[in-house]
Amino acid sequence: MAIIVRRMEAGDEAMFQLIAPDVFDEPIHPSRLHDYLRSPGHLMVLAFEGEVIVGQCVGVIHRHPDKPTELYIDEVGTASTHLRRGIARQMMDELFAWGRELGCTEAWLGTETGNEPAKALYRRYRPTEDETIQYFLFEL
């Protein structure tokens, strides 16, 4: 069966009934999904095999007063049964196209240092790599 990549928008919540394992980190929470799909600048692209979601790629548009508008790639996930089939690349390409349509001239993302499959995918885009440190602030 062919893989179909599709942009999600408000009102698409019913399409989240069938999700293959490992696509998302945690179960979908209906009210969070509702809010996400209605939040300006929050983008979600899904890969479907029939009615089953087999991949997801989400991003956020960052607008700055002193820098170009950029697309932050927040997550990329593919079902463990569908790895190494080009699905993540298709979703990222669609997300980049959507970002360009919304005025983004740059994109960025991060991954764990040991995530070799992700690093191999991202390096296909010929990125500039640097070392950063992340701080997770839980009490805001």
Protein backbone atom coordinates (compact mmCIF):
# COMPACT_ATOMS: atom_id res chain seq x y z
CA MET A 1 0.00 0.00 0.00
CA ALA A 2 1.26 3.48 -0.85
CA ILE A 3 2.33 6.00 1.78
CA ILE A 4 0.41 9.29 1.67
CA VAL A 5 1.91 12.37 3.38
CA ARG A 6 -0.63 14.94 4.48
CA ARG A 7 -0.65 18.30 6.29
CA MET A 8 -2.93 18.30 9.34
CA GLU A 9 -5.25 21.18 10.19
CA ALA A 10 -8.06 22.05 12.57
CA GLY A 11 -10.85 19.52 12.19
CA ASP A 12 -8.59 16.56 11.35
CA GLU A 13 -8.77 15.06 14.85
CA ALA A 14 -10.81 12.06 13.64
CA MET A 15 -7.85 10.95 11.51
CA PHE A 16 -5.94 10.02 14.68
CA GLN A 17 -7.93 6.83 15.38
CA LEU A 18 -5.33 4.35 14.09
CA ILE A 19 -1.69 4.98 14.98
CA ALA A 20 1.09 2.44 14.46
CA PRO A 21 3.43 1.77 17.40
CA ASP A 22 6.38 4.10 18.02
CA VAL A 23 5.07 7.00 15.91
CA PHE A 24 4.47 9.26 18.92
CA ASP A 25 6.31 9.19 22.25
CA GLU A 26 3.09 8.99 24.27
CA PRO A 27 -0.62 8.43 23.62
CA ILE A 28 -2.47 11.28 21.92
CA HIS A 29 -4.43 13.42 24.38
CA PRO A 30 -7.59 14.69 22.57
CA SER A 31 -7.63 18.20 24.06
CA ARG A 32 -3.89 18.68 23.40
CA LEU A 33 -4.36 17.54 19.81
CA HIS A 34 -7.31 19.91 19.43
CA ASP A 35 -5.26 22.85 20.74
CA TYR A 36 -2.18 21.95 18.67
CA LEU A 37 -4.09 21.82 15.39
CA ARG A 38 -5.58 25.24 16.11
CA SER A 39 -2.41 27.00 17.27
CA PRO A 40 -1.01 29.42 14.70
CA GLY A 41 2.52 28.52 13.68
CA HIS A 42 2.25 24.88 14.83
CA LEU A 43 2.62 22.54 11.86
CA MET A 44 2.03 18.80 11.68
CA VAL A 45 2.59 16.45 8.75
CA LEU A 46 1.53 12.81 8.98
CA ALA A 47 2.32 9.77 6.86
CA PHE A 48 -0.56 7.35 6.30
CA GLU A 49 -0.65 3.80 5.04
CA GLY A 50 -4.33 3.43 4.34
CA GLU A 51 -6.01 4.86 7.44
CA VAL A 52 -3.08 4.06 9.76
CA ILE A 53 -0.67 6.82 10.82
CA VAL A 54 2.84 5.46 10.29
CA GLY A 55 4.82 8.69 10.69
CA GLN A 56 4.69 12.19 12.11
CA CYS A 57 6.74 15.33 11.69
CA VAL A 58 5.94 18.50 13.62
CA GLY A 59 7.41 21.96 13.63
CA VAL A 60 6.93 25.44 14.99
CA ILE A 61 7.33 28.75 13.16
CA HIS A 62 9.61 31.15 15.07
CA ARG A 63 9.32 34.81 14.24
CA HIS A 64 11.93 37.23 15.54
CA PRO A 65 12.23 41.00 15.42
CA ASP A 66 15.93 40.78 14.54
CA LYS A 67 16.38 37.49 12.62
CA PRO A 68 14.81 35.69 9.68
CA THR A 69 11.67 33.66 10.27
CA GLU A 70 12.68 30.07 10.94
CA LEU A 71 11.12 26.64 11.18
CA TYR A 72 12.01 24.58 14.23
CA ILE A 73 11.57 20.85 13.59
CA ASP A 74 10.27 19.63 16.93
CA GLU A 75 9.81 15.91 16.28
CA VAL A 76 10.11 13.28 13.60
CA GLY A 77 8.78 9.81 14.27
CA THR A 78 8.22 6.75 12.11
CA ALA A 79 6.64 3.43 13.07
CA SER A 80 9.29 0.81 13.83
CA THR A 81 7.66 -1.34 11.13
CA HIS A 82 8.25 1.37 8.52
CA LEU A 83 11.83 2.48 9.10
CA ARG A 84 14.31 3.02 6.26
CA ARG A 85 11.62 3.48 3.62
CA GLY A 86 12.06 7.22 3.05
CA ILE A 87 8.96 8.19 5.03
CA ALA A 88 10.75 10.58 7.38
CA ARG A 89 12.38 12.31 4.42
CA GLN A 90 9.02 12.70 2.65
CA MET A 91 7.47 14.22 5.78
CA MET A 92 10.38 16.60 6.35
CA ASP A 93 10.32 17.72 2.72
CA GLU A 94 6.60 18.50 3.06
CA LEU A 95 7.16 20.35 6.34
CA PHE A 96 9.98 22.40 4.75
CA ALA A 97 7.72 23.29 1.80
CA TRP A 98 4.98 24.38 4.20
CA GLY A 99 7.47 26.43 6.21
CA ARG A 100 8.68 28.20 3.05
CA GLU A 101 5.07 29.00 2.13
CA LEU A 102 4.73 30.66 5.56
CA GLY A 103 7.84 32.79 5.13
CA CYS A 104 10.55 30.66 6.73
CA THR A 105 14.01 31.05 5.25
CA GLU A 106 15.83 28.80 7.72
CA ALA A 107 15.13 25.55 9.55
CA TRP A 108 16.81 23.89 12.51
CA LEU A 109 16.46 20.87 14.76
CA GLY A 110 18.32 18.86 17.35
CA THR A 111 18.76 15.19 18.15
CA GLU A 112 20.51 13.05 20.69
CA THR A 113 24.23 12.54 20.07
CA GLY A 114 23.78 8.76 19.82
CA ASN A 115 20.81 8.77 17.44
CA GLU A 116 22.72 7.65 14.36
CA PRO A 117 19.68 6.96 12.13
CA ALA A 118 18.35 10.50 12.74
CA LYS A 119 21.76 12.06 12.20
CA ALA A 120 22.12 10.17 8.89
CA LEU A 121 18.73 11.48 7.75
CA TYR A 122 19.45 15.07 8.74
CA ARG A 123 22.91 15.04 7.15
CA ARG A 124 21.27 14.34 3.77
CA TYR A 125 20.14 17.98 3.88
CA ARG A 126 23.77 19.12 4.18
CA PRO A 127 23.27 21.08 7.40
CA THR A 128 25.72 23.10 9.41
CA GLU A 129 26.34 21.14 12.61
CA ASP A 130 27.34 22.58 15.95
CA GLU A 131 27.51 21.48 19.54
CA THR A 132 24.94 22.84 21.96
CA ILE A 133 23.82 22.16 25.49
CA GLN A 134 20.14 21.80 26.33
CA TYR A 135 18.62 22.84 29.63
CA PHE A 136 15.25 21.39 30.59
CA LEU A 137 13.47 23.82 32.90
CA PHE A 138 10.52 22.15 34.56
CA GLU A 139 9.47 24.79 37.07
CA LEU A 140 8.32 27.87 35.23
